[in-house]
ModelCIF file with pLDDT and N, C-alpha, C, O atoms, coordinates in Angstrom:
data_MODEL
#
_entry.id   MODEL 
#
_entity.id                         1 
_entity.type                       polymer 
_entity.pdbx_number_of_molecules   1 
#
_entity_poly.entity_id                      1 
_entity_poly.type                           'polypeptide(L)' 
_entity_poly.nstd_linkage                   no 
_entity_poly.nstd_monomer                   no 
_entity_poly.pdbx_seq_one_letter_code       
;(UNK)(UNK)(UNK)(UNK)(UNK)(UNK)(UNK)(UNK)(UNK)(UNK)(UNK)(UNK)(UNK)(UNK)(UNK)(UNK)
(UNK)(UNK)(UNK)(UNK)(UNK)(UNK)(UNK)(UNK)(UNK)(UNK)(UNK)(UNK)(UNK)(UNK)(UNK)(UNK)
(UNK)(UNK)(UNK)(UNK)(UNK)(UNK)(UNK)(UNK)(UNK)(UNK)(UNK)(UNK)(UNK)(UNK)
;
_entity_poly.pdbx_seq_one_letter_code_can   XXXXXXXXXXXXXXXXXXXXXXXXXXXXXXXXXXXXXXXXXXXXXX 
_entity_poly.pdbx_strand_id                 A 
#
loop_
_entity_poly_seq.entity_id 
_entity_poly_seq.num 
_entity_poly_seq.mon_id 
_entity_poly_seq.hetero 
1 1  UNK n 
1 2  UNK n 
1 3  UNK n 
1 4  UNK n 
1 5  UNK n 
1 6  UNK n 
1 7  UNK n 
1 8  UNK n 
1 9  UNK n 
1 10 UNK n 
1 11 UNK n 
1 12 UNK n 
1 13 UNK n 
1 14 UNK n 
1 15 UNK n 
1 16 UNK n 
1 17 UNK n 
1 18 UNK n 
1 19 UNK n 
1 20 UNK n 
1 21 UNK n 
1 22 UNK n 
1 23 UNK n 
1 24 UNK n 
1 25 UNK n 
1 26 UNK n 
1 27 UNK n 
1 28 UNK n 
1 29 UNK n 
1 30 UNK n 
1 31 UNK n 
1 32 UNK n 
1 33 UNK n 
1 34 UNK n 
1 35 UNK n 
1 36 UNK n 
1 37 UNK n 
1 38 UNK n 
1 39 UNK n 
1 40 UNK n 
1 41 UNK n 
1 42 UNK n 
1 43 UNK n 
1 44 UNK n 
1 45 UNK n 
1 46 UNK n 
#
_struct_asym.id          A 
_struct_asym.entity_id   1 
#
loop_
_ma_qa_metric.id 
_ma_qa_metric.mode 
_ma_qa_metric.name 
_ma_qa_metric.software_group_id 
_ma_qa_metric.type 
1 global pLDDT . pLDDT 
2 local  pLDDT . pLDDT 
#
_ma_qa_metric_global.metric_id      1 
_ma_qa_metric_global.metric_value   88.67 
_ma_qa_metric_global.model_id       1 
_ma_qa_metric_global.ordinal_id     1 
#
loop_
_ma_qa_metric_local.label_asym_id 
_ma_qa_metric_local.label_comp_id 
_ma_qa_metric_local.label_seq_id 
_ma_qa_metric_local.metric_id 
_ma_qa_metric_local.metric_value 
_ma_qa_metric_local.model_id 
_ma_qa_metric_local.ordinal_id 
A UNK 1  2 58.00 1 1  
A UNK 2  2 57.00 1 2  
A UNK 3  2 53.00 1 3  
A UNK 4  2 55.00 1 4  
A UNK 5  2 56.00 1 5  
A UNK 6  2 69.00 1 6  
A UNK 7  2 73.00 1 7  
A UNK 8  2 80.00 1 8  
A UNK 9  2 86.00 1 9  
A UNK 10 2 85.00 1 10 
A UNK 11 2 82.00 1 11 
A UNK 12 2 85.00 1 12 
A UNK 13 2 84.00 1 13 
A UNK 14 2 86.00 1 14 
A UNK 15 2 89.00 1 15 
A UNK 16 2 89.00 1 16 
A UNK 17 2 89.00 1 17 
A UNK 18 2 90.00 1 18 
A UNK 19 2 91.00 1 19 
A UNK 20 2 92.00 1 20 
A UNK 21 2 92.00 1 21 
A UNK 22 2 95.00 1 22 
A UNK 23 2 96.00 1 23 
A UNK 24 2 97.00 1 24 
A UNK 25 2 97.00 1 25 
A UNK 26 2 98.00 1 26 
A UNK 27 2 98.00 1 27 
A UNK 28 2 98.00 1 28 
A UNK 29 2 98.00 1 29 
A UNK 30 2 98.00 1 30 
A UNK 31 2 98.00 1 31 
A UNK 32 2 98.00 1 32 
A UNK 33 2 98.00 1 33 
A UNK 34 2 98.00 1 34 
A UNK 35 2 98.00 1 35 
A UNK 36 2 96.00 1 36 
A UNK 37 2 97.00 1 37 
A UNK 38 2 98.00 1 38 
A UNK 39 2 97.00 1 39 
A UNK 40 2 98.00 1 40 
A UNK 41 2 98.00 1 41 
A UNK 42 2 98.00 1 42 
A UNK 43 2 98.00 1 43 
A UNK 44 2 98.00 1 44 
A UNK 45 2 98.00 1 45 
A UNK 46 2 97.00 1 46 
#
loop_
_atom_site.group_PDB 
_atom_site.id 
_atom_site.type_symbol 
_atom_site.label_atom_id 
_atom_site.label_alt_id 
_atom_site.label_comp_id 
_atom_site.label_asym_id 
_atom_site.label_entity_id 
_atom_site.label_seq_id 
_atom_site.pdbx_PDB_ins_code 
_atom_site.Cartn_x 
_atom_site.Cartn_y 
_atom_site.Cartn_z 
_atom_site.occupancy 
_atom_site.B_iso_or_equiv 
_atom_site.pdbx_formal_charge 
_atom_site.auth_seq_id 
_atom_site.auth_comp_id 
_atom_site.auth_asym_id 
_atom_site.auth_atom_id 
_atom_site.pdbx_PDB_model_num 
ATOM 1   N N  . UNK A 1 1  ? -3.656 1.855  -2.691  1.00 58.00 ? 1  UNK A N  1 
ATOM 2   C CA . UNK A 1 1  ? -2.756 0.905  -2.845  1.00 58.00 ? 1  UNK A CA 1 
ATOM 3   C C  . UNK A 1 1  ? -1.496 0.859  -2.330  1.00 58.00 ? 1  UNK A C  1 
ATOM 4   O O  . UNK A 1 1  ? -0.660 1.709  -2.638  1.00 58.00 ? 1  UNK A O  1 
ATOM 5   N N  . UNK A 1 2  ? -1.215 -0.223 -1.427  1.00 57.00 ? 2  UNK A N  1 
ATOM 6   C CA . UNK A 1 2  ? 0.110  0.321  -0.748  1.00 57.00 ? 2  UNK A CA 1 
ATOM 7   C C  . UNK A 1 2  ? 1.490  0.585  -1.534  1.00 57.00 ? 2  UNK A C  1 
ATOM 8   O O  . UNK A 1 2  ? 2.110  -0.162 -2.291  1.00 57.00 ? 2  UNK A O  1 
ATOM 9   N N  . UNK A 1 3  ? 1.741  1.788  -1.137  1.00 53.00 ? 3  UNK A N  1 
ATOM 10  C CA . UNK A 1 3  ? 3.038  1.929  -2.061  1.00 53.00 ? 3  UNK A CA 1 
ATOM 11  C C  . UNK A 1 3  ? 2.493  3.044  -3.476  1.00 53.00 ? 3  UNK A C  1 
ATOM 12  O O  . UNK A 1 3  ? 3.085  3.589  -4.408  1.00 53.00 ? 3  UNK A O  1 
ATOM 13  N N  . UNK A 1 4  ? 0.936  2.986  -2.961  1.00 55.00 ? 4  UNK A N  1 
ATOM 14  C CA . UNK A 1 4  ? 0.657  4.004  -4.099  1.00 55.00 ? 4  UNK A CA 1 
ATOM 15  C C  . UNK A 1 4  ? 0.192  5.868  -3.630  1.00 55.00 ? 4  UNK A C  1 
ATOM 16  O O  . UNK A 1 4  ? 1.036  6.742  -3.432  1.00 55.00 ? 4  UNK A O  1 
ATOM 17  N N  . UNK A 1 5  ? -0.785 5.997  -3.578  1.00 56.00 ? 5  UNK A N  1 
ATOM 18  C CA . UNK A 1 5  ? -1.059 7.563  -3.451  1.00 56.00 ? 5  UNK A CA 1 
ATOM 19  C C  . UNK A 1 5  ? -1.408 7.572  -1.893  1.00 56.00 ? 5  UNK A C  1 
ATOM 20  O O  . UNK A 1 5  ? -1.310 8.629  -1.270  1.00 56.00 ? 5  UNK A O  1 
ATOM 21  N N  . UNK A 1 6  ? -1.754 6.572  -1.359  1.00 69.00 ? 6  UNK A N  1 
ATOM 22  C CA . UNK A 1 6  ? -2.820 6.693  -0.146  1.00 69.00 ? 6  UNK A CA 1 
ATOM 23  C C  . UNK A 1 6  ? -1.420 6.413  1.159   1.00 69.00 ? 6  UNK A C  1 
ATOM 24  O O  . UNK A 1 6  ? -1.727 6.733  2.308   1.00 69.00 ? 6  UNK A O  1 
ATOM 25  N N  . UNK A 1 7  ? -0.249 5.950  0.976   1.00 73.00 ? 7  UNK A N  1 
ATOM 26  C CA . UNK A 1 7  ? 0.789  6.237  1.626   1.00 73.00 ? 7  UNK A CA 1 
ATOM 27  C C  . UNK A 1 7  ? 1.997  7.038  1.482   1.00 73.00 ? 7  UNK A C  1 
ATOM 28  O O  . UNK A 1 7  ? 3.030  6.753  2.087   1.00 73.00 ? 7  UNK A O  1 
ATOM 29  N N  . UNK A 1 8  ? 1.897  7.982  0.738   1.00 80.00 ? 8  UNK A N  1 
ATOM 30  C CA . UNK A 1 8  ? 2.620  8.850  -0.095  1.00 80.00 ? 8  UNK A CA 1 
ATOM 31  C C  . UNK A 1 8  ? 3.452  9.519  1.326   1.00 80.00 ? 8  UNK A C  1 
ATOM 32  O O  . UNK A 1 8  ? 4.674  9.560  1.468   1.00 80.00 ? 8  UNK A O  1 
ATOM 33  N N  . UNK A 1 9  ? 2.694  9.881  2.039   1.00 86.00 ? 9  UNK A N  1 
ATOM 34  C CA . UNK A 1 9  ? 2.774  11.216 3.068   1.00 86.00 ? 9  UNK A CA 1 
ATOM 35  C C  . UNK A 1 9  ? 3.473  10.575 4.216   1.00 86.00 ? 9  UNK A C  1 
ATOM 36  O O  . UNK A 1 9  ? 4.184  11.308 4.904   1.00 86.00 ? 9  UNK A O  1 
ATOM 37  N N  . UNK A 1 10 ? 3.381  9.387  4.507   1.00 85.00 ? 10 UNK A N  1 
ATOM 38  C CA . UNK A 1 10 ? 3.902  8.724  5.560   1.00 85.00 ? 10 UNK A CA 1 
ATOM 39  C C  . UNK A 1 10 ? 5.393  8.041  5.377   1.00 85.00 ? 10 UNK A C  1 
ATOM 40  O O  . UNK A 1 10 ? 6.263  7.832  6.222   1.00 85.00 ? 10 UNK A O  1 
ATOM 41  N N  . UNK A 1 11 ? 5.364  7.759  3.901   1.00 82.00 ? 11 UNK A N  1 
ATOM 42  C CA . UNK A 1 11 ? 6.729  7.299  3.021   1.00 82.00 ? 11 UNK A CA 1 
ATOM 43  C C  . UNK A 1 11 ? 7.663  8.232  2.966   1.00 82.00 ? 11 UNK A C  1 
ATOM 44  O O  . UNK A 1 11 ? 8.879  8.146  3.141   1.00 82.00 ? 11 UNK A O  1 
ATOM 45  N N  . UNK A 1 12 ? 6.737  9.462  2.610   1.00 85.00 ? 12 UNK A N  1 
ATOM 46  C CA . UNK A 1 12 ? 7.708  10.999 2.628   1.00 85.00 ? 12 UNK A CA 1 
ATOM 47  C C  . UNK A 1 12 ? 8.889  11.463 3.705   1.00 85.00 ? 12 UNK A C  1 
ATOM 48  O O  . UNK A 1 12 ? 9.972  12.048 3.738   1.00 85.00 ? 12 UNK A O  1 
ATOM 49  N N  . UNK A 1 13 ? 7.661  10.608 4.798   1.00 84.00 ? 13 UNK A N  1 
ATOM 50  C CA . UNK A 1 13 ? 7.918  11.492 6.516   1.00 84.00 ? 13 UNK A CA 1 
ATOM 51  C C  . UNK A 1 13 ? 9.331  10.624 6.557   1.00 84.00 ? 13 UNK A C  1 
ATOM 52  O O  . UNK A 1 13 ? 9.941  10.948 7.576   1.00 84.00 ? 13 UNK A O  1 
ATOM 53  N N  . UNK A 1 14 ? 9.936  9.793  5.917   1.00 86.00 ? 14 UNK A N  1 
ATOM 54  C CA . UNK A 1 14 ? 11.157 9.319  6.390   1.00 86.00 ? 14 UNK A CA 1 
ATOM 55  C C  . UNK A 1 14 ? 12.383 9.617  5.392   1.00 86.00 ? 14 UNK A C  1 
ATOM 56  O O  . UNK A 1 14 ? 13.419 8.956  5.449   1.00 86.00 ? 14 UNK A O  1 
ATOM 57  N N  . UNK A 1 15 ? 12.219 10.494 4.621   1.00 89.00 ? 15 UNK A N  1 
ATOM 58  C CA . UNK A 1 15 ? 13.278 11.512 4.026   1.00 89.00 ? 15 UNK A CA 1 
ATOM 59  C C  . UNK A 1 15 ? 14.206 12.485 4.970   1.00 89.00 ? 15 UNK A C  1 
ATOM 60  O O  . UNK A 1 15 ? 13.750 13.227 5.840   1.00 89.00 ? 15 UNK A O  1 
ATOM 61  N N  . UNK A 1 16 ? 15.626 12.338 4.627   1.00 89.00 ? 16 UNK A N  1 
ATOM 62  C CA . UNK A 1 16 ? 16.053 13.754 5.241   1.00 89.00 ? 16 UNK A CA 1 
ATOM 63  C C  . UNK A 1 16 ? 15.149 14.975 5.449   1.00 89.00 ? 16 UNK A C  1 
ATOM 64  O O  . UNK A 1 16 ? 15.353 15.704 6.420   1.00 89.00 ? 16 UNK A O  1 
ATOM 65  N N  . UNK A 1 17 ? 14.267 15.205 4.677   1.00 89.00 ? 17 UNK A N  1 
ATOM 66  C CA . UNK A 1 17 ? 13.304 16.627 4.529   1.00 89.00 ? 17 UNK A CA 1 
ATOM 67  C C  . UNK A 1 17 ? 12.352 16.467 5.569   1.00 89.00 ? 17 UNK A C  1 
ATOM 68  O O  . UNK A 1 17 ? 11.977 17.389 6.293   1.00 89.00 ? 17 UNK A O  1 
ATOM 69  N N  . UNK A 1 18 ? 11.796 14.780 5.668   1.00 90.00 ? 18 UNK A N  1 
ATOM 70  C CA . UNK A 1 18 ? 10.692 14.571 6.638   1.00 90.00 ? 18 UNK A CA 1 
ATOM 71  C C  . UNK A 1 18 ? 9.392  15.033 5.916   1.00 90.00 ? 18 UNK A C  1 
ATOM 72  O O  . UNK A 1 18 ? 8.695  15.552 6.788   1.00 90.00 ? 18 UNK A O  1 
ATOM 73  N N  . UNK A 1 19 ? 8.779  15.077 4.770   1.00 91.00 ? 19 UNK A N  1 
ATOM 74  C CA . UNK A 1 19 ? 7.629  15.435 3.970   1.00 91.00 ? 19 UNK A CA 1 
ATOM 75  C C  . UNK A 1 19 ? 7.698  15.139 2.290   1.00 91.00 ? 19 UNK A C  1 
ATOM 76  O O  . UNK A 1 19 ? 8.756  15.023 1.672   1.00 91.00 ? 19 UNK A O  1 
ATOM 77  N N  . UNK A 1 20 ? 6.807  15.076 1.896   1.00 92.00 ? 20 UNK A N  1 
ATOM 78  C CA . UNK A 1 20 ? 6.908  15.082 0.618   1.00 92.00 ? 20 UNK A CA 1 
ATOM 79  C C  . UNK A 1 20 ? 7.009  16.646 -0.258  1.00 92.00 ? 20 UNK A C  1 
ATOM 80  O O  . UNK A 1 20 ? 6.929  17.766 0.246   1.00 92.00 ? 20 UNK A O  1 
ATOM 81  N N  . UNK A 1 21 ? 7.187  16.331 -1.557  1.00 92.00 ? 21 UNK A N  1 
ATOM 82  C CA . UNK A 1 21 ? 7.393  17.337 -2.529  1.00 92.00 ? 21 UNK A CA 1 
ATOM 83  C C  . UNK A 1 21 ? 6.394  18.021 -3.240  1.00 92.00 ? 21 UNK A C  1 
ATOM 84  O O  . UNK A 1 21 ? 5.347  17.400 -3.056  1.00 92.00 ? 21 UNK A O  1 
ATOM 85  N N  . UNK A 1 22 ? 6.254  18.719 -3.758  1.00 95.00 ? 22 UNK A N  1 
ATOM 86  C CA . UNK A 1 22 ? 5.039  19.346 -4.446  1.00 95.00 ? 22 UNK A CA 1 
ATOM 87  C C  . UNK A 1 22 ? 5.290  19.408 -6.149  1.00 95.00 ? 22 UNK A C  1 
ATOM 88  O O  . UNK A 1 22 ? 6.448  19.302 -6.553  1.00 95.00 ? 22 UNK A O  1 
ATOM 89  N N  . UNK A 1 23 ? 4.486  19.534 -6.849  1.00 96.00 ? 23 UNK A N  1 
ATOM 90  C CA . UNK A 1 23 ? 4.974  19.797 -8.411  1.00 96.00 ? 23 UNK A CA 1 
ATOM 91  C C  . UNK A 1 23 ? 5.369  21.209 -8.435  1.00 96.00 ? 23 UNK A C  1 
ATOM 92  O O  . UNK A 1 23 ? 6.041  21.578 -9.397  1.00 96.00 ? 23 UNK A O  1 
ATOM 93  N N  . UNK A 1 24 ? 5.144  21.814 -7.786  1.00 97.00 ? 24 UNK A N  1 
ATOM 94  C CA . UNK A 1 24 ? 6.136  23.416 -7.946  1.00 97.00 ? 24 UNK A CA 1 
ATOM 95  C C  . UNK A 1 24 ? 7.271  23.401 -7.914  1.00 97.00 ? 24 UNK A C  1 
ATOM 96  O O  . UNK A 1 24 ? 8.014  23.931 -8.740  1.00 97.00 ? 24 UNK A O  1 
ATOM 97  N N  . UNK A 1 25 ? 7.691  22.588 -6.637  1.00 97.00 ? 25 UNK A N  1 
ATOM 98  C CA . UNK A 1 25 ? 9.032  22.188 -6.459  1.00 97.00 ? 25 UNK A CA 1 
ATOM 99  C C  . UNK A 1 25 ? 9.959  21.810 -7.467  1.00 97.00 ? 25 UNK A C  1 
ATOM 100 O O  . UNK A 1 25 ? 11.030 22.369 -7.705  1.00 97.00 ? 25 UNK A O  1 
ATOM 101 N N  . UNK A 1 26 ? 9.356  20.582 -8.181  1.00 98.00 ? 26 UNK A N  1 
ATOM 102 C CA . UNK A 1 26 ? 9.689  19.883 -9.602  1.00 98.00 ? 26 UNK A CA 1 
ATOM 103 C C  . UNK A 1 26 ? 10.128 20.691 -10.398 1.00 98.00 ? 26 UNK A C  1 
ATOM 104 O O  . UNK A 1 26 ? 11.264 20.820 -10.854 1.00 98.00 ? 26 UNK A O  1 
ATOM 105 N N  . UNK A 1 27 ? 8.614  21.608 -10.681 1.00 98.00 ? 27 UNK A N  1 
ATOM 106 C CA . UNK A 1 27 ? 8.980  22.688 -11.741 1.00 98.00 ? 27 UNK A CA 1 
ATOM 107 C C  . UNK A 1 27 ? 10.004 23.266 -11.717 1.00 98.00 ? 27 UNK A C  1 
ATOM 108 O O  . UNK A 1 27 ? 10.895 23.165 -12.560 1.00 98.00 ? 27 UNK A O  1 
ATOM 109 N N  . UNK A 1 28 ? 10.010 23.970 -10.714 1.00 98.00 ? 28 UNK A N  1 
ATOM 110 C CA . UNK A 1 28 ? 11.092 25.360 -10.418 1.00 98.00 ? 28 UNK A CA 1 
ATOM 111 C C  . UNK A 1 28 ? 12.674 24.357 -11.082 1.00 98.00 ? 28 UNK A C  1 
ATOM 112 O O  . UNK A 1 28 ? 13.363 24.865 -11.966 1.00 98.00 ? 28 UNK A O  1 
ATOM 113 N N  . UNK A 1 29 ? 12.973 23.168 -10.581 1.00 98.00 ? 29 UNK A N  1 
ATOM 114 C CA . UNK A 1 29 ? 14.197 22.194 -11.040 1.00 98.00 ? 29 UNK A CA 1 
ATOM 115 C C  . UNK A 1 29 ? 14.115 22.092 -12.323 1.00 98.00 ? 29 UNK A C  1 
ATOM 116 O O  . UNK A 1 29 ? 15.203 21.822 -12.833 1.00 98.00 ? 29 UNK A O  1 
ATOM 117 N N  . UNK A 1 30 ? 13.335 22.191 -12.983 1.00 98.00 ? 30 UNK A N  1 
ATOM 118 C CA . UNK A 1 30 ? 13.324 22.075 -14.517 1.00 98.00 ? 30 UNK A CA 1 
ATOM 119 C C  . UNK A 1 30 ? 13.365 22.818 -15.176 1.00 98.00 ? 30 UNK A C  1 
ATOM 120 O O  . UNK A 1 30 ? 13.830 22.691 -16.308 1.00 98.00 ? 30 UNK A O  1 
ATOM 121 N N  . UNK A 1 31 ? 12.841 23.980 -14.656 1.00 98.00 ? 31 UNK A N  1 
ATOM 122 C CA . UNK A 1 31 ? 12.764 25.689 -15.282 1.00 98.00 ? 31 UNK A CA 1 
ATOM 123 C C  . UNK A 1 31 ? 14.257 26.321 -14.775 1.00 98.00 ? 31 UNK A C  1 
ATOM 124 O O  . UNK A 1 31 ? 14.727 27.413 -15.098 1.00 98.00 ? 31 UNK A O  1 
ATOM 125 N N  . UNK A 1 32 ? 14.763 25.459 -14.023 1.00 98.00 ? 32 UNK A N  1 
ATOM 126 C CA . UNK A 1 32 ? 16.396 25.927 -13.635 1.00 98.00 ? 32 UNK A CA 1 
ATOM 127 C C  . UNK A 1 32 ? 17.115 25.328 -14.955 1.00 98.00 ? 32 UNK A C  1 
ATOM 128 O O  . UNK A 1 32 ? 17.538 26.115 -15.802 1.00 98.00 ? 32 UNK A O  1 
ATOM 129 N N  . UNK A 1 33 ? 17.254 23.894 -15.129 1.00 98.00 ? 33 UNK A N  1 
ATOM 130 C CA . UNK A 1 33 ? 17.908 23.022 -15.891 1.00 98.00 ? 33 UNK A CA 1 
ATOM 131 C C  . UNK A 1 33 ? 17.953 23.479 -17.249 1.00 98.00 ? 33 UNK A C  1 
ATOM 132 O O  . UNK A 1 33 ? 18.872 23.244 -18.033 1.00 98.00 ? 33 UNK A O  1 
ATOM 133 N N  . UNK A 1 34 ? 16.525 24.397 -17.582 1.00 98.00 ? 34 UNK A N  1 
ATOM 134 C CA . UNK A 1 34 ? 16.044 24.500 -19.113 1.00 98.00 ? 34 UNK A CA 1 
ATOM 135 C C  . UNK A 1 34 ? 16.718 26.022 -19.142 1.00 98.00 ? 34 UNK A C  1 
ATOM 136 O O  . UNK A 1 34 ? 16.883 26.541 -20.246 1.00 98.00 ? 34 UNK A O  1 
ATOM 137 N N  . UNK A 1 35 ? 17.106 26.740 -17.945 1.00 98.00 ? 35 UNK A N  1 
ATOM 138 C CA . UNK A 1 35 ? 17.768 28.157 -18.225 1.00 98.00 ? 35 UNK A CA 1 
ATOM 139 C C  . UNK A 1 35 ? 18.838 28.309 -18.671 1.00 98.00 ? 35 UNK A C  1 
ATOM 140 O O  . UNK A 1 35 ? 19.412 27.377 -19.233 1.00 98.00 ? 35 UNK A O  1 
ATOM 141 N N  . UNK A 1 36 ? 19.396 29.534 -18.539 1.00 96.00 ? 36 UNK A N  1 
ATOM 142 C CA . UNK A 1 36 ? 20.644 29.646 -18.914 1.00 96.00 ? 36 UNK A CA 1 
ATOM 143 C C  . UNK A 1 36 ? 21.594 29.332 -17.756 1.00 96.00 ? 36 UNK A C  1 
ATOM 144 O O  . UNK A 1 36 ? 22.764 28.957 -17.826 1.00 96.00 ? 36 UNK A O  1 
ATOM 145 N N  . UNK A 1 37 ? 20.721 29.602 -16.505 1.00 97.00 ? 37 UNK A N  1 
ATOM 146 C CA . UNK A 1 37 ? 21.620 29.538 -15.285 1.00 97.00 ? 37 UNK A CA 1 
ATOM 147 C C  . UNK A 1 37 ? 22.191 27.866 -15.088 1.00 97.00 ? 37 UNK A C  1 
ATOM 148 O O  . UNK A 1 37 ? 23.013 27.468 -14.263 1.00 97.00 ? 37 UNK A O  1 
ATOM 149 N N  . UNK A 1 38 ? 21.663 27.292 -15.842 1.00 98.00 ? 38 UNK A N  1 
ATOM 150 C CA . UNK A 1 38 ? 22.453 26.173 -15.973 1.00 98.00 ? 38 UNK A CA 1 
ATOM 151 C C  . UNK A 1 38 ? 23.011 25.621 -17.365 1.00 98.00 ? 38 UNK A C  1 
ATOM 152 O O  . UNK A 1 38 ? 22.895 24.517 -17.896 1.00 98.00 ? 38 UNK A O  1 
ATOM 153 N N  . UNK A 1 39 ? 23.685 26.845 -17.778 1.00 97.00 ? 39 UNK A N  1 
ATOM 154 C CA . UNK A 1 39 ? 24.537 27.021 -19.076 1.00 97.00 ? 39 UNK A CA 1 
ATOM 155 C C  . UNK A 1 39 ? 25.446 25.971 -18.951 1.00 97.00 ? 39 UNK A C  1 
ATOM 156 O O  . UNK A 1 39 ? 25.147 25.188 -19.853 1.00 97.00 ? 39 UNK A O  1 
ATOM 157 N N  . UNK A 1 40 ? 26.580 25.437 -18.202 1.00 98.00 ? 40 UNK A N  1 
ATOM 158 C CA . UNK A 1 40 ? 27.621 24.175 -17.827 1.00 98.00 ? 40 UNK A CA 1 
ATOM 159 C C  . UNK A 1 40 ? 26.660 22.873 -17.694 1.00 98.00 ? 40 UNK A C  1 
ATOM 160 O O  . UNK A 1 40 ? 27.388 21.925 -17.403 1.00 98.00 ? 40 UNK A O  1 
ATOM 161 N N  . UNK A 1 41 ? 25.658 22.567 -17.768 1.00 98.00 ? 41 UNK A N  1 
ATOM 162 C CA . UNK A 1 41 ? 25.246 21.647 -16.834 1.00 98.00 ? 41 UNK A CA 1 
ATOM 163 C C  . UNK A 1 41 ? 25.062 20.672 -18.313 1.00 98.00 ? 41 UNK A C  1 
ATOM 164 O O  . UNK A 1 41 ? 24.855 21.234 -19.389 1.00 98.00 ? 41 UNK A O  1 
ATOM 165 N N  . UNK A 1 42 ? 25.130 19.688 -18.239 1.00 98.00 ? 42 UNK A N  1 
ATOM 166 C CA . UNK A 1 42 ? 24.324 18.672 -19.208 1.00 98.00 ? 42 UNK A CA 1 
ATOM 167 C C  . UNK A 1 42 ? 24.411 16.930 -18.714 1.00 98.00 ? 42 UNK A C  1 
ATOM 168 O O  . UNK A 1 42 ? 25.044 16.557 -17.727 1.00 98.00 ? 42 UNK A O  1 
ATOM 169 N N  . UNK A 1 43 ? 23.796 16.199 -19.443 1.00 98.00 ? 43 UNK A N  1 
ATOM 170 C CA . UNK A 1 43 ? 23.946 15.376 -18.522 1.00 98.00 ? 43 UNK A CA 1 
ATOM 171 C C  . UNK A 1 43 ? 23.353 14.632 -17.627 1.00 98.00 ? 43 UNK A C  1 
ATOM 172 O O  . UNK A 1 43 ? 23.296 13.408 -17.738 1.00 98.00 ? 43 UNK A O  1 
ATOM 173 N N  . UNK A 1 44 ? 22.733 15.435 -16.419 1.00 98.00 ? 44 UNK A N  1 
ATOM 174 C CA . UNK A 1 44 ? 23.164 15.022 -15.415 1.00 98.00 ? 44 UNK A CA 1 
ATOM 175 C C  . UNK A 1 44 ? 21.470 14.907 -14.812 1.00 98.00 ? 44 UNK A C  1 
ATOM 176 O O  . UNK A 1 44 ? 20.570 15.648 -15.206 1.00 98.00 ? 44 UNK A O  1 
ATOM 177 N N  . UNK A 1 45 ? 21.330 13.980 -13.945 1.00 98.00 ? 45 UNK A N  1 
ATOM 178 C CA . UNK A 1 45 ? 20.156 13.995 -13.199 1.00 98.00 ? 45 UNK A CA 1 
ATOM 179 C C  . UNK A 1 45 ? 19.866 14.325 -11.989 1.00 98.00 ? 45 UNK A C  1 
ATOM 180 O O  . UNK A 1 45 ? 20.345 13.647 -11.081 1.00 98.00 ? 45 UNK A O  1 
ATOM 181 N N  . UNK A 1 46 ? 18.903 15.588 -11.648 1.00 97.00 ? 46 UNK A N  1 
ATOM 182 C CA . UNK A 1 46 ? 19.319 16.008 -10.681 1.00 97.00 ? 46 UNK A CA 1 
ATOM 183 C C  . UNK A 1 46 ? 17.758 15.876 -9.567  1.00 97.00 ? 46 UNK A C  1 
ATOM 184 O O  . UNK A 1 46 ? 17.803 16.247 -8.395  1.00 97.00 ? 46 UNK A O  1 
#
């Protein structure tokens, strides 16, 4: 489908980083927000 998985890489190429992300990169952000390193962070959409 257009807007589905087949053109994700092409659509991501227009972002400032010019690429798609990986599940591991999202997991790293989630882990940060769950950790004490983010102890003064709440209610944020990162």
